[in-house]
Amino acid sequence: MTTALLSPVSHTAGARSPRPLLLIDAALCAALGFPAAVASGAVADLLGPDVSTTAVRVVGALLVVCAIDLLLLSRSPWAIPATLAAGMGNIAWELAAIGLVVSGAFSVVGGTVALITAAGNGLLGLLQLRVVRASRAGRSAATAT
């Protein structure tokens, strides 16, 4: 089962393509990452007085790299495994953001921003995992006939 998830596949007719969700994820990573990488001081100030500018810059740069990666993978035969990884990553991002808000790492404004982005990441992650599951079910049905 794990091998089937991690091997490249061609998109079968009738299965939902993961491409739109990977492109949305890439756009969101770029939209959040670019300002954090370029204006890390302003973003850190928005998030809270104790938020590290360096941490914001590093996370922003990683998000920009992730955006480029997702963009490239959206057109590759590895789109399904990439969607699985992105879905799990988005849900992990959501849980981490909620944990940081609960721990008091952000100001009220920063916590609100973090929870809004966490909700979006969680929803996107669930949609990505549904596409992976539908793709697996489509492949299983195609090989059973």
N, C-alpha and C. Protein backbone atom coordinates (compact mmCIF):
# COMPACT_ATOMS: atom_id res chain seq x y z
N MET A 1 0.82 -1.19 0.00
CA MET A 1 0.00 0.00 0.00
C MET A 1 0.87 1.25 0.00
N THR A 2 1.91 1.29 0.81
CA THR A 2 2.78 2.46 0.85
C THR A 2 3.47 2.64 -0.49
N THR A 3 3.88 1.56 -1.11
CA THR A 3 4.54 1.64 -2.40
C THR A 3 3.63 2.28 -3.44
N ALA A 4 2.35 1.92 -3.41
CA ALA A 4 1.41 2.49 -4.36
C ALA A 4 1.26 3.99 -4.16
N LEU A 5 1.36 4.46 -2.92
CA LEU A 5 1.23 5.89 -2.65
C LEU A 5 2.45 6.67 -3.09
N LEU A 6 3.60 6.04 -3.02
CA LEU A 6 4.83 6.78 -3.27
C LEU A 6 5.37 6.62 -4.68
N SER A 7 4.75 5.78 -5.49
CA SER A 7 5.25 5.62 -6.85
C SER A 7 4.57 6.61 -7.78
N PRO A 8 5.30 7.06 -8.81
CA PRO A 8 4.69 8.00 -9.75
C PRO A 8 3.60 7.30 -10.54
N VAL A 9 2.56 8.04 -10.85
CA VAL A 9 1.44 7.47 -11.60
C VAL A 9 1.00 8.48 -12.64
N SER A 10 0.41 7.95 -13.68
CA SER A 10 -0.23 8.86 -14.63
C SER A 10 -1.64 9.09 -14.14
N HIS A 11 -2.19 10.22 -14.45
CA HIS A 11 -3.53 10.54 -14.00
C HIS A 11 -4.53 9.78 -14.85
N THR A 12 -5.39 9.03 -14.19
CA THR A 12 -6.38 8.25 -14.90
C THR A 12 -7.63 9.08 -15.12
N ALA A 13 -8.35 8.74 -16.18
CA ALA A 13 -9.59 9.45 -16.46
C ALA A 13 -10.56 9.18 -15.33
N GLY A 14 -11.26 10.17 -14.91
CA GLY A 14 -12.25 10.03 -13.85
C GLY A 14 -11.69 10.36 -12.47
N ALA A 15 -10.39 10.24 -12.28
CA ALA A 15 -9.80 10.58 -10.99
C ALA A 15 -9.57 12.09 -10.94
N ARG A 16 -9.78 12.65 -9.79
CA ARG A 16 -9.54 14.08 -9.64
C ARG A 16 -8.06 14.37 -9.72
N SER A 17 -7.74 15.41 -10.43
CA SER A 17 -6.35 15.82 -10.56
C SER A 17 -5.93 16.59 -9.31
N PRO A 18 -4.75 16.29 -8.81
CA PRO A 18 -4.26 17.03 -7.65
C PRO A 18 -3.69 18.40 -8.04
N ARG A 19 -3.54 18.64 -9.34
CA ARG A 19 -2.86 19.85 -9.81
C ARG A 19 -3.47 21.15 -9.25
N PRO A 20 -4.80 21.34 -9.32
CA PRO A 20 -5.34 22.62 -8.79
C PRO A 20 -5.01 22.84 -7.31
N LEU A 21 -5.06 21.77 -6.51
CA LEU A 21 -4.77 21.93 -5.09
C LEU A 21 -3.29 22.21 -4.85
N LEU A 22 -2.43 21.61 -5.66
CA LEU A 22 -0.99 21.91 -5.53
C LEU A 22 -0.70 23.35 -5.95
N LEU A 23 -1.40 23.83 -6.97
CA LEU A 23 -1.20 25.22 -7.41
C LEU A 23 -1.72 26.21 -6.37
N ILE A 24 -2.86 25.89 -5.76
CA ILE A 24 -3.39 26.74 -4.67
C ILE A 24 -2.40 26.75 -3.51
N ASP A 25 -1.91 25.59 -3.15
CA ASP A 25 -0.94 25.49 -2.06
C ASP A 25 0.32 26.29 -2.38
N ALA A 26 0.80 26.18 -3.62
CA ALA A 26 1.98 26.94 -4.03
C ALA A 26 1.73 28.44 -3.91
N ALA A 27 0.55 28.88 -4.35
CA ALA A 27 0.23 30.31 -4.27
C ALA A 27 0.16 30.78 -2.82
N LEU A 28 -0.43 29.97 -1.95
CA LEU A 28 -0.52 30.36 -0.54
C LEU A 28 0.86 30.38 0.12
N CYS A 29 1.69 29.38 -0.21
CA CYS A 29 3.05 29.38 0.34
C CYS A 29 3.81 30.62 -0.09
N ALA A 30 3.68 30.98 -1.37
CA ALA A 30 4.37 32.17 -1.87
C ALA A 30 3.80 33.44 -1.23
N ALA A 31 2.47 33.50 -1.10
CA ALA A 31 1.83 34.69 -0.54
C ALA A 31 2.20 34.91 0.93
N LEU A 32 2.40 33.83 1.67
CA LEU A 32 2.81 33.96 3.07
C LEU A 32 4.33 34.04 3.21
N GLY A 33 5.03 33.30 2.36
CA GLY A 33 6.49 33.21 2.50
C GLY A 33 7.25 34.42 2.01
N PHE A 34 6.84 34.97 0.88
CA PHE A 34 7.59 36.10 0.32
C PHE A 34 7.64 37.30 1.26
N PRO A 35 6.48 37.76 1.79
CA PRO A 35 6.56 38.90 2.73
C PRO A 35 7.36 38.55 3.99
N ALA A 36 7.24 37.31 4.46
CA ALA A 36 7.98 36.92 5.66
C ALA A 36 9.48 36.90 5.40
N ALA A 37 9.89 36.48 4.22
CA ALA A 37 11.31 36.44 3.89
C ALA A 37 11.89 37.82 3.63
N VAL A 38 11.10 38.68 2.98
CA VAL A 38 11.59 40.00 2.57
C VAL A 38 11.44 41.04 3.68
N ALA A 39 10.31 41.02 4.36
CA ALA A 39 10.03 42.01 5.41
C ALA A 39 9.83 41.31 6.75
N SER A 40 10.81 40.50 7.13
CA SER A 40 10.67 39.68 8.33
C SER A 40 10.47 40.50 9.60
N GLY A 41 11.08 41.67 9.66
CA GLY A 41 10.91 42.53 10.84
C GLY A 41 9.48 42.99 11.02
N ALA A 42 8.86 43.43 9.94
CA ALA A 42 7.47 43.89 10.01
C ALA A 42 6.52 42.74 10.32
N VAL A 43 6.77 41.58 9.71
CA VAL A 43 5.91 40.42 9.97
C VAL A 43 6.07 39.96 11.41
N ALA A 44 7.31 39.94 11.92
CA ALA A 44 7.55 39.54 13.31
C ALA A 44 6.86 40.51 14.27
N ASP A 45 6.91 41.81 13.96
CA ASP A 45 6.23 42.80 14.81
C ASP A 45 4.72 42.58 14.81
N LEU A 46 4.16 42.21 13.65
CA LEU A 46 2.73 41.94 13.55
C LEU A 46 2.35 40.73 14.40
N LEU A 47 3.18 39.70 14.36
CA LEU A 47 2.86 38.46 15.07
C LEU A 47 2.99 38.60 16.59
N GLY A 48 3.91 39.42 17.04
CA GLY A 48 4.04 39.60 18.49
C GLY A 48 5.41 40.10 18.87
N PRO A 49 5.53 40.68 20.06
CA PRO A 49 6.80 41.30 20.48
C PRO A 49 7.92 40.30 20.72
N ASP A 50 7.59 39.06 21.02
CA ASP A 50 8.63 38.06 21.32
C ASP A 50 8.94 37.14 20.14
N VAL A 51 8.39 37.45 18.95
CA VAL A 51 8.61 36.61 17.79
C VAL A 51 9.94 36.97 17.15
N SER A 52 10.75 35.97 16.90
CA SER A 52 12.10 36.16 16.35
C SER A 52 12.04 36.54 14.87
N THR A 53 12.73 37.62 14.53
CA THR A 53 12.83 38.04 13.13
C THR A 53 13.54 36.98 12.30
N THR A 54 14.56 36.38 12.87
CA THR A 54 15.30 35.33 12.15
C THR A 54 14.40 34.14 11.87
N ALA A 55 13.61 33.72 12.84
CA ALA A 55 12.70 32.59 12.63
C ALA A 55 11.69 32.91 11.54
N VAL A 56 11.17 34.13 11.54
CA VAL A 56 10.21 34.53 10.50
C VAL A 56 10.89 34.51 9.13
N ARG A 57 12.11 35.01 9.04
CA ARG A 57 12.84 35.03 7.77
C ARG A 57 13.09 33.62 7.26
N VAL A 58 13.52 32.72 8.14
CA VAL A 58 13.80 31.33 7.75
C VAL A 58 12.52 30.63 7.30
N VAL A 59 11.45 30.77 8.06
CA VAL A 59 10.18 30.15 7.68
C VAL A 59 9.69 30.73 6.35
N GLY A 60 9.83 32.03 6.17
CA GLY A 60 9.43 32.65 4.91
C GLY A 60 10.21 32.10 3.73
N ALA A 61 11.52 31.98 3.89
CA ALA A 61 12.35 31.44 2.80
C ALA A 61 11.98 29.99 2.50
N LEU A 62 11.73 29.20 3.54
CA LEU A 62 11.33 27.81 3.33
C LEU A 62 9.98 27.72 2.62
N LEU A 63 9.07 28.63 2.94
CA LEU A 63 7.77 28.64 2.26
C LEU A 63 7.92 29.00 0.77
N VAL A 64 8.82 29.91 0.46
CA VAL A 64 9.05 30.26 -0.95
C VAL A 64 9.63 29.06 -1.70
N VAL A 65 10.58 28.37 -1.10
CA VAL A 65 11.14 27.16 -1.72
C VAL A 65 10.04 26.11 -1.89
N CYS A 66 9.21 25.95 -0.89
CA CYS A 66 8.09 25.00 -0.96
C CYS A 66 7.13 25.38 -2.09
N ALA A 67 6.87 26.66 -2.25
CA ALA A 67 5.98 27.12 -3.32
C ALA A 67 6.54 26.73 -4.69
N ILE A 68 7.83 26.94 -4.89
CA ILE A 68 8.46 26.57 -6.16
C ILE A 68 8.39 25.06 -6.37
N ASP A 69 8.66 24.32 -5.33
CA ASP A 69 8.61 22.87 -5.39
C ASP A 69 7.21 22.37 -5.76
N LEU A 70 6.20 22.90 -5.10
CA LEU A 70 4.82 22.50 -5.39
C LEU A 70 4.42 22.85 -6.82
N LEU A 71 4.88 24.00 -7.27
CA LEU A 71 4.58 24.41 -8.64
C LEU A 71 5.18 23.42 -9.65
N LEU A 72 6.41 23.04 -9.44
CA LEU A 72 7.07 22.09 -10.33
C LEU A 72 6.45 20.70 -10.24
N LEU A 73 6.13 20.26 -9.02
CA LEU A 73 5.56 18.92 -8.83
C LEU A 73 4.13 18.81 -9.36
N SER A 74 3.44 19.92 -9.47
CA SER A 74 2.05 19.88 -9.93
C SER A 74 1.94 19.36 -11.36
N ARG A 75 3.01 19.46 -12.13
CA ARG A 75 3.01 19.01 -13.53
C ARG A 75 3.77 17.70 -13.72
N SER A 76 4.17 17.08 -12.64
CA SER A 76 5.01 15.88 -12.76
C SER A 76 4.20 14.61 -12.48
N PRO A 77 4.77 13.47 -12.81
CA PRO A 77 4.10 12.22 -12.46
C PRO A 77 4.10 11.95 -10.95
N TRP A 78 4.81 12.76 -10.21
CA TRP A 78 4.86 12.63 -8.76
C TRP A 78 3.81 13.50 -8.06
N ALA A 79 2.82 13.96 -8.78
CA ALA A 79 1.82 14.87 -8.20
C ALA A 79 1.03 14.23 -7.06
N ILE A 80 0.67 12.96 -7.19
CA ILE A 80 -0.11 12.31 -6.13
C ILE A 80 0.72 12.17 -4.85
N PRO A 81 1.94 11.63 -4.90
CA PRO A 81 2.72 11.59 -3.66
C PRO A 81 3.02 12.99 -3.10
N ALA A 82 3.21 13.96 -3.98
CA ALA A 82 3.44 15.34 -3.52
C ALA A 82 2.20 15.88 -2.82
N THR A 83 1.04 15.51 -3.33
CA THR A 83 -0.22 15.96 -2.72
C THR A 83 -0.40 15.32 -1.35
N LEU A 84 -0.02 14.06 -1.23
CA LEU A 84 -0.07 13.40 0.08
C LEU A 84 0.84 14.11 1.08
N ALA A 85 2.07 14.38 0.66
CA ALA A 85 3.03 15.06 1.54
C ALA A 85 2.54 16.47 1.89
N ALA A 86 2.01 17.18 0.89
CA ALA A 86 1.52 18.55 1.14
C ALA A 86 0.32 18.53 2.07
N GLY A 87 -0.57 17.56 1.90
CA GLY A 87 -1.74 17.45 2.78
C GLY A 87 -1.35 17.21 4.22
N MET A 88 -0.42 16.29 4.42
CA MET A 88 0.05 16.02 5.78
C MET A 88 0.79 17.23 6.34
N GLY A 89 1.57 17.90 5.50
CA GLY A 89 2.27 19.10 5.94
C GLY A 89 1.33 20.23 6.32
N ASN A 90 0.25 20.40 5.56
CA ASN A 90 -0.72 21.44 5.88
C ASN A 90 -1.44 21.16 7.19
N ILE A 91 -1.77 19.91 7.44
CA ILE A 91 -2.42 19.58 8.71
C ILE A 91 -1.44 19.76 9.87
N ALA A 92 -0.17 19.39 9.66
CA ALA A 92 0.85 19.61 10.69
C ALA A 92 1.02 21.11 10.97
N TRP A 93 0.99 21.93 9.90
CA TRP A 93 1.10 23.38 10.06
C TRP A 93 -0.06 23.90 10.90
N GLU A 94 -1.26 23.39 10.62
CA GLU A 94 -2.44 23.81 11.38
C GLU A 94 -2.26 23.48 12.87
N LEU A 95 -1.86 22.26 13.17
CA LEU A 95 -1.69 21.85 14.56
C LEU A 95 -0.59 22.65 15.26
N ALA A 96 0.51 22.90 14.54
CA ALA A 96 1.60 23.69 15.12
C ALA A 96 1.15 25.12 15.41
N ALA A 97 0.41 25.71 14.47
CA ALA A 97 -0.07 27.08 14.67
C ALA A 97 -1.00 27.16 15.88
N ILE A 98 -1.90 26.20 15.99
CA ILE A 98 -2.82 26.19 17.15
C ILE A 98 -2.02 26.03 18.43
N GLY A 99 -1.02 25.16 18.42
CA GLY A 99 -0.17 24.99 19.61
C GLY A 99 0.56 26.27 19.99
N LEU A 100 1.06 26.99 19.00
CA LEU A 100 1.76 28.25 19.29
C LEU A 100 0.81 29.31 19.83
N VAL A 101 -0.40 29.36 19.29
CA VAL A 101 -1.39 30.32 19.79
C VAL A 101 -1.76 29.99 21.23
N VAL A 102 -2.02 28.72 21.51
CA VAL A 102 -2.41 28.30 22.86
C VAL A 102 -1.28 28.55 23.86
N SER A 103 -0.02 28.41 23.40
CA SER A 103 1.11 28.63 24.30
C SER A 103 1.38 30.11 24.56
N GLY A 104 0.69 30.99 23.83
CA GLY A 104 0.87 32.42 24.03
C GLY A 104 2.05 33.01 23.28
N ALA A 105 2.49 32.35 22.23
CA ALA A 105 3.65 32.82 21.48
C ALA A 105 3.37 34.07 20.66
N PHE A 106 2.10 34.36 20.39
CA PHE A 106 1.73 35.48 19.54
C PHE A 106 0.91 36.52 20.31
N SER A 107 0.89 37.73 19.76
CA SER A 107 0.00 38.76 20.28
C SER A 107 -1.42 38.40 19.85
N VAL A 108 -2.39 39.20 20.25
CA VAL A 108 -3.78 38.94 19.85
C VAL A 108 -3.92 39.01 18.33
N VAL A 109 -3.33 40.02 17.72
CA VAL A 109 -3.39 40.15 16.26
C VAL A 109 -2.64 38.99 15.61
N GLY A 110 -1.45 38.67 16.11
CA GLY A 110 -0.66 37.57 15.56
C GLY A 110 -1.37 36.23 15.72
N GLY A 111 -2.02 36.04 16.86
CA GLY A 111 -2.77 34.81 17.09
C GLY A 111 -3.95 34.69 16.14
N THR A 112 -4.61 35.82 15.89
CA THR A 112 -5.74 35.81 14.95
C THR A 112 -5.27 35.47 13.54
N VAL A 113 -4.18 36.08 13.13
CA VAL A 113 -3.60 35.78 11.81
C VAL A 113 -3.21 34.30 11.74
N ALA A 114 -2.57 33.81 12.78
CA ALA A 114 -2.13 32.40 12.81
C ALA A 114 -3.33 31.45 12.74
N LEU A 115 -4.40 31.76 13.46
CA LEU A 115 -5.57 30.88 13.44
C LEU A 115 -6.30 30.91 12.10
N ILE A 116 -6.33 32.08 11.47
CA ILE A 116 -6.96 32.17 10.14
C ILE A 116 -6.17 31.35 9.12
N THR A 117 -4.85 31.51 9.15
CA THR A 117 -4.04 30.72 8.21
C THR A 117 -4.09 29.23 8.56
N ALA A 118 -4.16 28.91 9.85
CA ALA A 118 -4.26 27.51 10.26
C ALA A 118 -5.55 26.88 9.74
N ALA A 119 -6.64 27.61 9.81
CA ALA A 119 -7.91 27.08 9.31
C ALA A 119 -7.82 26.81 7.80
N GLY A 120 -7.22 27.74 7.07
CA GLY A 120 -7.05 27.54 5.63
C GLY A 120 -6.15 26.37 5.32
N ASN A 121 -5.05 26.25 6.07
CA ASN A 121 -4.13 25.13 5.85
C ASN A 121 -4.79 23.79 6.18
N GLY A 122 -5.55 23.76 7.24
CA GLY A 122 -6.24 22.53 7.61
C GLY A 122 -7.24 22.10 6.56
N LEU A 123 -8.02 23.05 6.07
CA LEU A 123 -9.00 22.74 5.03
C LEU A 123 -8.31 22.27 3.75
N LEU A 124 -7.28 22.98 3.35
CA LEU A 124 -6.54 22.59 2.15
C LEU A 124 -5.93 21.20 2.32
N GLY A 125 -5.37 20.93 3.50
CA GLY A 125 -4.79 19.62 3.78
C GLY A 125 -5.82 18.50 3.67
N LEU A 126 -7.01 18.72 4.22
CA LEU A 126 -8.07 17.71 4.12
C LEU A 126 -8.49 17.48 2.68
N LEU A 127 -8.61 18.55 1.91
CA LEU A 127 -8.96 18.41 0.50
C LEU A 127 -7.88 17.64 -0.26
N GLN A 128 -6.63 17.93 0.04
CA GLN A 128 -5.53 17.23 -0.62
C GLN A 128 -5.56 15.74 -0.28
N LEU A 129 -5.81 15.40 0.97
CA LEU A 129 -5.87 13.99 1.36
C LEU A 129 -7.07 13.29 0.72
N ARG A 130 -8.17 14.00 0.54
CA ARG A 130 -9.32 13.41 -0.15
C ARG A 130 -9.00 13.10 -1.60
N VAL A 131 -8.28 13.98 -2.27
CA VAL A 131 -7.90 13.74 -3.67
C VAL A 131 -6.98 12.52 -3.76
N VAL A 132 -6.06 12.40 -2.81
CA VAL A 132 -5.17 11.23 -2.80
C VAL A 132 -5.99 9.96 -2.60
N ARG A 133 -6.91 9.98 -1.66
CA ARG A 133 -7.75 8.81 -1.40
C ARG A 133 -8.59 8.46 -2.63
N ALA A 134 -9.17 9.47 -3.29
CA ALA A 134 -9.96 9.23 -4.49
C ALA A 134 -9.09 8.67 -5.60
N SER A 135 -7.89 9.14 -5.70
CA SER A 135 -6.97 8.64 -6.73
C SER A 135 -6.62 7.18 -6.47
N ARG A 136 -6.37 6.85 -5.21
CA ARG A 136 -6.08 5.46 -4.84
C ARG A 136 -7.26 4.57 -5.14
N ALA A 137 -8.47 5.03 -4.82
CA ALA A 137 -9.68 4.23 -5.08
C ALA A 137 -9.88 4.05 -6.58
N GLY A 138 -9.61 5.09 -7.36
CA GLY A 138 -9.73 5.00 -8.81
C GLY A 138 -8.75 4.02 -9.41
N ARG A 139 -7.52 4.01 -8.89
CA ARG A 139 -6.51 3.07 -9.37
C ARG A 139 -6.86 1.66 -8.98
N SER A 140 -7.38 1.47 -7.75
CA SER A 140 -7.76 0.13 -7.30
C SER A 140 -8.88 -0.43 -8.15
N ALA A 141 -9.87 0.41 -8.47
CA ALA A 141 -10.99 -0.02 -9.29
C ALA A 141 -10.53 -0.35 -10.70
N ALA A 142 -9.58 0.44 -11.22
CA ALA A 142 -9.09 0.22 -12.58
C ALA A 142 -8.28 -1.07 -12.68
N THR A 143 -7.53 -1.41 -11.64
CA THR A 143 -6.73 -2.63 -11.68
C THR A 143 -7.56 -3.86 -11.37
N ALA A 144 -8.69 -3.69 -10.70
CA ALA A 144 -9.56 -4.83 -10.35
C ALA A 144 -10.35 -5.31 -11.56
N THR A 145 -10.55 -4.45 -12.55
CA THR A 145 -11.36 -4.87 -13.71
C THR A 145 -10.54 -5.48 -14.80
